[in-house]
Amino acid sequence: MKTAASLRSFFALTVFALVLTFGPAVKGAENLGEIISDTGWDKLIGTWVDEKTKGEINRSTFSWRYQDTVLETITEQPGKETTSLFGLNPKTGKVFVVAADSAGASSSGDVEFKEGVVLFKVGYITETAIEGEVEIKYVLVDDDTIDLVFAMEEPVTMRLVREK
């Protein structure tokens, strides 16, 4: 049985391996912290809960695993916990995310931070080997409110508020 700590260690090593594979950052390349700050998403750091149940359905904590280099998210939902790591590919300048949950599902994909919105395009595989792709976006409503939108035929939105 893998613990949350071992999952975090696994993903930290994965990110480190990706950095070694792609080599040093190209001259003038930004770091992840600069990208997040320049687009106004530095306010994402902290804990966010679903507005409806105050965290019973969803509780996500964003923190720097490695300052300005790797952003970690721990998301707690009924019956499972998900660890996500965001990094910057120094060769392409693109932000990526890798994630796994306590049930055995995993995902990876591209992330684009823009002013007022974060766009995710990720591929996933569930613990029962069902594969797919999903587009998700965070829409900044104000400093303490984010709408989490799942792009589907009928979009599904969950409002997240900063935990106080």
C-alpha atoms as a PDB file:
ATOM      1  CA  MET A   1       0.000   0.000   0.000  1.00  0.00           C
ATOM      2  CA  LYS A   2       1.463   3.335  -1.054  1.00  0.00           C
ATOM      3  CA  THR A   3       1.209   6.270   1.284  1.00  0.00           C
ATOM      4  CA  ALA A   4       0.696   9.891   0.303  1.00  0.00           C
ATOM      5  CA  ALA A   5       4.316  10.552   1.286  1.00  0.00           C
ATOM      6  CA  SER A   6       5.618   7.835  -1.047  1.00  0.00           C
ATOM      7  CA  LEU A   7       3.447   9.184  -3.891  1.00  0.00           C
ATOM      8  CA  ARG A   8       4.851  12.668  -3.326  1.00  0.00           C
ATOM      9  CA  SER A   9       8.393  11.271  -3.341  1.00  0.00           C
ATOM     10  CA  PHE A  10       7.683   9.346  -6.545  1.00  0.00           C
ATOM     11  CA  PHE A  11       6.393  12.441  -8.318  1.00  0.00           C
ATOM     12  CA  ALA A  12       9.211  14.627  -6.998  1.00  0.00           C
ATOM     13  CA  LEU A  13      11.689  12.120  -8.475  1.00  0.00           C
ATOM     14  CA  THR A  14       9.706  12.078 -11.738  1.00  0.00           C
ATOM     15  CA  VAL A  15       9.900  15.859 -12.025  1.00  0.00           C
ATOM     16  CA  PHE A  16      13.628  15.751 -11.205  1.00  0.00           C
ATOM     17  CA  ALA A  17      14.142  13.103 -13.911  1.00  0.00           C
ATOM     18  CA  LEU A  18      12.271  15.260 -16.439  1.00  0.00           C
ATOM     19  CA  VAL A  19      14.527  18.216 -15.630  1.00  0.00           C
ATOM     20  CA  LEU A  20      17.622  16.039 -16.070  1.00  0.00           C
ATOM     21  CA  THR A  21      16.257  14.695 -19.365  1.00  0.00           C
ATOM     22  CA  PHE A  22      15.568  18.116 -20.848  1.00  0.00           C
ATOM     23  CA  GLY A  23      18.765  19.690 -19.532  1.00  0.00           C
ATOM     24  CA  PRO A  24      19.243  23.162 -18.126  1.00  0.00           C
ATOM     25  CA  ALA A  25      16.773  25.936 -18.825  1.00  0.00           C
ATOM     26  CA  VAL A  26      17.355  27.876 -22.011  1.00  0.00           C
ATOM     27  CA  LYS A  27      18.733  31.378 -21.557  1.00  0.00           C
ATOM     28  CA  GLY A  28      15.962  33.779 -20.620  1.00  0.00           C
ATOM     29  CA  ALA A  29      13.446  31.041 -19.817  1.00  0.00           C
ATOM     30  CA  GLU A  30      11.101  31.893 -16.970  1.00  0.00           C
ATOM     31  CA  ASN A  31      10.611  29.700 -13.956  1.00  0.00           C
ATOM     32  CA  LEU A  32       7.205  28.422 -12.910  1.00  0.00           C
ATOM     33  CA  GLY A  33       6.954  30.943 -10.068  1.00  0.00           C
ATOM     34  CA  GLU A  34       7.394  33.849 -12.497  1.00  0.00           C
ATOM     35  CA  ILE A  35       4.751  32.450 -14.859  1.00  0.00           C
ATOM     36  CA  ILE A  36       2.269  32.023 -12.021  1.00  0.00           C
ATOM     37  CA  SER A  37       3.023  35.462 -10.559  1.00  0.00           C
ATOM     38  CA  ASP A  38       3.004  37.277 -13.922  1.00  0.00           C
ATOM     39  CA  THR A  39      -0.478  35.912 -14.699  1.00  0.00           C
ATOM     40  CA  GLY A  40      -1.886  36.838 -11.280  1.00  0.00           C
ATOM     41  CA  TRP A  41      -2.240  33.243 -10.088  1.00  0.00           C
ATOM     42  CA  ASP A  42       0.182  33.540  -7.146  1.00  0.00           C
ATOM     43  CA  LYS A  43      -2.965  33.970  -5.021  1.00  0.00           C
ATOM     44  CA  LEU A  44      -3.646  30.278  -5.739  1.00  0.00           C
ATOM     45  CA  ILE A  45      -1.228  29.323  -2.942  1.00  0.00           C
ATOM     46  CA  GLY A  46      -3.272  28.186   0.053  1.00  0.00           C
ATOM     47  CA  THR A  47      -6.244  25.937   0.733  1.00  0.00           C
ATOM     48  CA  TRP A  48      -9.468  26.007  -1.284  1.00  0.00           C
ATOM     49  CA  VAL A  49     -12.731  24.219  -0.438  1.00  0.00           C
ATOM     50  CA  ASP A  50     -15.951  23.686  -2.334  1.00  0.00           C
ATOM     51  CA  GLU A  51     -18.355  26.474  -1.444  1.00  0.00           C
ATOM     52  CA  LYS A  52     -21.380  24.218  -0.987  1.00  0.00           C
ATOM     53  CA  THR A  53     -20.047  21.875   1.732  1.00  0.00           C
ATOM     54  CA  LYS A  54     -17.006  23.875   2.944  1.00  0.00           C
ATOM     55  CA  GLY A  55     -14.617  21.074   2.019  1.00  0.00           C
ATOM     56  CA  GLU A  56     -16.567  17.857   2.515  1.00  0.00           C
ATOM     57  CA  ILE A  57     -16.629  17.248  -1.263  1.00  0.00           C
ATOM     58  CA  ASN A  58     -13.362  18.908  -2.264  1.00  0.00           C
ATOM     59  CA  ARG A  59     -10.434  20.419  -0.355  1.00  0.00           C
ATOM     60  CA  SER A  60      -7.306  21.400  -2.314  1.00  0.00           C
ATOM     61  CA  THR A  61      -4.081  22.810  -0.904  1.00  0.00           C
ATOM     62  CA  PHE A  62      -1.581  24.460  -3.251  1.00  0.00           C
ATOM     63  CA  SER A  63       1.987  24.954  -2.012  1.00  0.00           C
ATOM     64  CA  TRP A  64       5.511  25.158  -3.366  1.00  0.00           C
ATOM     65  CA  ARG A  65       7.182  21.760  -3.173  1.00  0.00           C
ATOM     66  CA  TYR A  66      10.342  23.466  -4.481  1.00  0.00           C
ATOM     67  CA  GLN A  67      10.046  27.265  -4.448  1.00  0.00           C
ATOM     68  CA  ASP A  68       9.265  28.687  -7.922  1.00  0.00           C
ATOM     69  CA  THR A  69      10.049  25.315  -9.544  1.00  0.00           C
ATOM     70  CA  VAL A  70       7.495  22.660  -8.520  1.00  0.00           C
ATOM     71  CA  LEU A  71       3.958  23.480  -7.364  1.00  0.00           C
ATOM     72  CA  GLU A  72       2.255  20.708  -5.390  1.00  0.00           C
ATOM     73  CA  THR A  73      -1.469  20.242  -4.922  1.00  0.00           C
ATOM     74  CA  ILE A  74      -3.013  17.842  -2.426  1.00  0.00           C
ATOM     75  CA  THR A  75      -6.729  17.336  -3.087  1.00  0.00           C
ATOM     76  CA  GLU A  76      -8.926  15.509  -0.603  1.00  0.00           C
ATOM     77  CA  GLN A  77     -12.268  14.077  -1.706  1.00  0.00           C
ATOM     78  CA  PRO A  78     -14.503  11.475  -0.054  1.00  0.00           C
ATOM     79  CA  GLY A  79     -12.602   8.182  -0.125  1.00  0.00           C
ATOM     80  CA  LYS A  80      -9.470   9.398  -1.924  1.00  0.00           C
ATOM     81  CA  GLU A  81      -6.577  11.817  -1.982  1.00  0.00           C
ATOM     82  CA  THR A  82      -4.816  13.118  -5.104  1.00  0.00           C
ATOM     83  CA  THR A  83      -1.293  14.503  -5.356  1.00  0.00           C
ATOM     84  CA  SER A  84      -0.476  16.727  -8.341  1.00  0.00           C
ATOM     85  CA  LEU A  85       2.837  18.313  -9.286  1.00  0.00           C
ATOM     86  CA  PHE A  86       3.210  21.194 -11.724  1.00  0.00           C
ATOM     87  CA  GLY A  87       6.526  21.907 -13.414  1.00  0.00           C
ATOM     88  CA  LEU A  88       8.035  23.835 -16.310  1.00  0.00           C
ATOM     89  CA  ASN A  89       9.674  22.099 -19.245  1.00  0.00           C
ATOM     90  CA  PRO A  90      12.794  24.251 -19.721  1.00  0.00           C
ATOM     91  CA  LYS A  91      13.174  23.245 -23.367  1.00  0.00           C
ATOM     92  CA  THR A  92       9.650  24.101 -24.527  1.00  0.00           C
ATOM     93  CA  GLY A  93       8.677  26.624 -21.851  1.00  0.00           C
ATOM     94  CA  LYS A  94       5.380  24.766 -21.344  1.00  0.00           C
ATOM     95  CA  VAL A  95       3.874  24.017 -17.952  1.00  0.00           C
ATOM     96  CA  PHE A  96       2.966  20.377 -17.294  1.00  0.00           C
ATOM     97  CA  VAL A  97       1.132  18.511 -14.558  1.00  0.00           C
ATOM     98  CA  VAL A  98       1.380  14.910 -13.344  1.00  0.00           C
ATOM     99  CA  ALA A  99      -0.997  13.448 -10.784  1.00  0.00           C
ATOM    100  CA  ALA A 100      -1.963  10.215  -9.063  1.00  0.00           C
ATOM    101  CA  ASP A 101      -4.577   9.349  -6.483  1.00  0.00           C
ATOM    102  CA  SER A 102      -4.837   6.924  -3.604  1.00  0.00           C
ATOM    103  CA  ALA A 103      -7.187   4.676  -5.605  1.00  0.00           C
ATOM    104  CA  GLY A 104      -4.592   4.111  -8.364  1.00  0.00           C
ATOM    105  CA  ALA A 105      -5.730   6.541 -11.063  1.00  0.00           C
ATOM    106  CA  SER A 106      -3.236   8.899 -12.715  1.00  0.00           C
ATOM    107  CA  SER A 107      -3.124  11.757 -15.202  1.00  0.00           C
ATOM    108  CA  SER A 108      -0.719  14.041 -17.003  1.00  0.00           C
ATOM    109  CA  GLY A 109      -0.955  16.900 -19.414  1.00  0.00           C
ATOM    110  CA  ASP A 110      -0.391  20.517 -20.283  1.00  0.00           C
ATOM    111  CA  VAL A 111      -1.370  23.565 -18.269  1.00  0.00           C
ATOM    112  CA  GLU A 112      -1.602  27.136 -19.482  1.00  0.00           C
ATOM    113  CA  PHE A 113      -1.679  29.972 -16.964  1.00  0.00           C
ATOM    114  CA  LYS A 114      -3.353  33.098 -18.343  1.00  0.00           C
ATOM    115  CA  GLU A 115      -4.613  36.219 -16.653  1.00  0.00           C
ATOM    116  CA  GLY A 116      -7.887  35.189 -14.976  1.00  0.00           C
ATOM    117  CA  VAL A 117      -7.901  31.576 -16.204  1.00  0.00           C
ATOM    118  CA  VAL A 118      -5.836  28.379 -16.006  1.00  0.00           C
ATOM    119  CA  LEU A 119      -6.449  25.809 -18.758  1.00  0.00           C
ATOM    120  CA  PHE A 120      -5.716  22.101 -18.294  1.00  0.00           C
ATOM    121  CA  LYS A 121      -5.655  19.485 -21.073  1.00  0.00           C
ATOM    122  CA  VAL A 122      -4.939  16.140 -19.477  1.00  0.00           C
ATOM    123  CA  GLY A 123      -5.048  12.483 -20.309  1.00  0.00           C
ATOM    124  CA  TYR A 124      -6.043  10.121 -17.541  1.00  0.00           C
ATOM    125  CA  ILE A 125      -6.336   6.453 -16.692  1.00  0.00           C
ATOM    126  CA  THR A 126      -8.588   5.293 -13.873  1.00  0.00           C
ATOM    127  CA  GLU A 127      -7.774   2.547 -11.387  1.00  0.00           C
ATOM    128  CA  THR A 128      -9.938   0.247 -13.564  1.00  0.00           C
ATOM    129  CA  ALA A 129      -7.869   1.083 -16.698  1.00  0.00           C
ATOM    130  CA  ILE A 130     -10.441   3.374 -18.344  1.00  0.00           C
ATOM    131  CA  GLU A 131      -8.565   6.000 -20.353  1.00  0.00           C
ATOM    132  CA  GLY A 132      -9.657   9.391 -21.567  1.00  0.00           C
ATOM    133  CA  GLU A 133      -8.934  13.062 -21.915  1.00  0.00           C
ATOM    134  CA  VAL A 134     -10.490  16.019 -20.169  1.00  0.00           C
ATOM    135  CA  GLU A 135     -10.263  19.779 -20.338  1.00  0.00           C
ATOM    136  CA  ILE A 136     -10.558  21.668 -17.079  1.00  0.00           C
ATOM    137  CA  LYS A 137     -10.254  25.339 -16.316  1.00  0.00           C
ATOM    138  CA  TYR A 138      -9.940  27.476 -13.230  1.00  0.00           C
ATOM    139  CA  VAL A 139     -11.626  30.853 -13.586  1.00  0.00           C
ATOM    140  CA  LEU A 140     -10.601  33.505 -11.068  1.00  0.00           C
ATOM    141  CA  VAL A 141     -13.755  35.199  -9.780  1.00  0.00           C
ATOM    142  CA  ASP A 142     -11.962  37.239  -7.087  1.00  0.00           C
ATOM    143  CA  ASP A 143      -9.004  36.785  -4.717  1.00  0.00           C
ATOM    144  CA  ASP A 144     -11.003  34.315  -2.602  1.00  0.00           C
ATOM    145  CA  THR A 145     -13.172  32.569  -5.238  1.00  0.00           C
ATOM    146  CA  ILE A 146     -12.356  30.261  -8.156  1.00  0.00           C
ATOM    147  CA  ASP A 147     -14.757  28.456 -10.463  1.00  0.00           C
ATOM    148  CA  LEU A 148     -13.536  24.967 -11.398  1.00  0.00           C
ATOM    149  CA  VAL A 149     -15.096  24.102 -14.779  1.00  0.00           C
ATOM    150  CA  PHE A 150     -15.051  20.651 -16.388  1.00  0.00           C
ATOM    151  CA  ALA A 151     -15.512  21.004 -20.159  1.00  0.00           C
ATOM    152  CA  MET A 152     -18.172  18.477 -21.081  1.00  0.00           C
ATOM    153  CA  GLU A 153     -21.183  18.491 -23.356  1.00  0.00           C
ATOM    154  CA  GLU A 154     -22.894  20.238 -20.433  1.00  0.00           C
ATOM    155  CA  PRO A 155     -20.078  21.982 -18.510  1.00  0.00           C
ATOM    156  CA  VAL A 156     -19.919  21.142 -14.811  1.00  0.00           C
ATOM    157  CA  THR A 157     -18.842  23.943 -12.468  1.00  0.00           C
ATOM    158  CA  MET A 158     -17.750  23.726  -8.841  1.00  0.00           C
ATOM    159  CA  ARG A 159     -17.139  26.955  -6.932  1.00  0.00           C
ATOM    160  CA  LEU A 160     -14.078  26.912  -4.686  1.00  0.00           C
ATOM    161  CA  VAL A 161     -13.512  29.453  -1.918  1.00  0.00           C
ATOM    162  CA  ARG A 162     -10.387  30.170   0.073  1.00  0.00           C
ATOM    163  CA  GLU A 163     -10.444  28.360   3.416  1.00  0.00           C
ATOM    164  CA  LYS A 164     -10.342  30.844   6.262  1.00  0.00           C
END
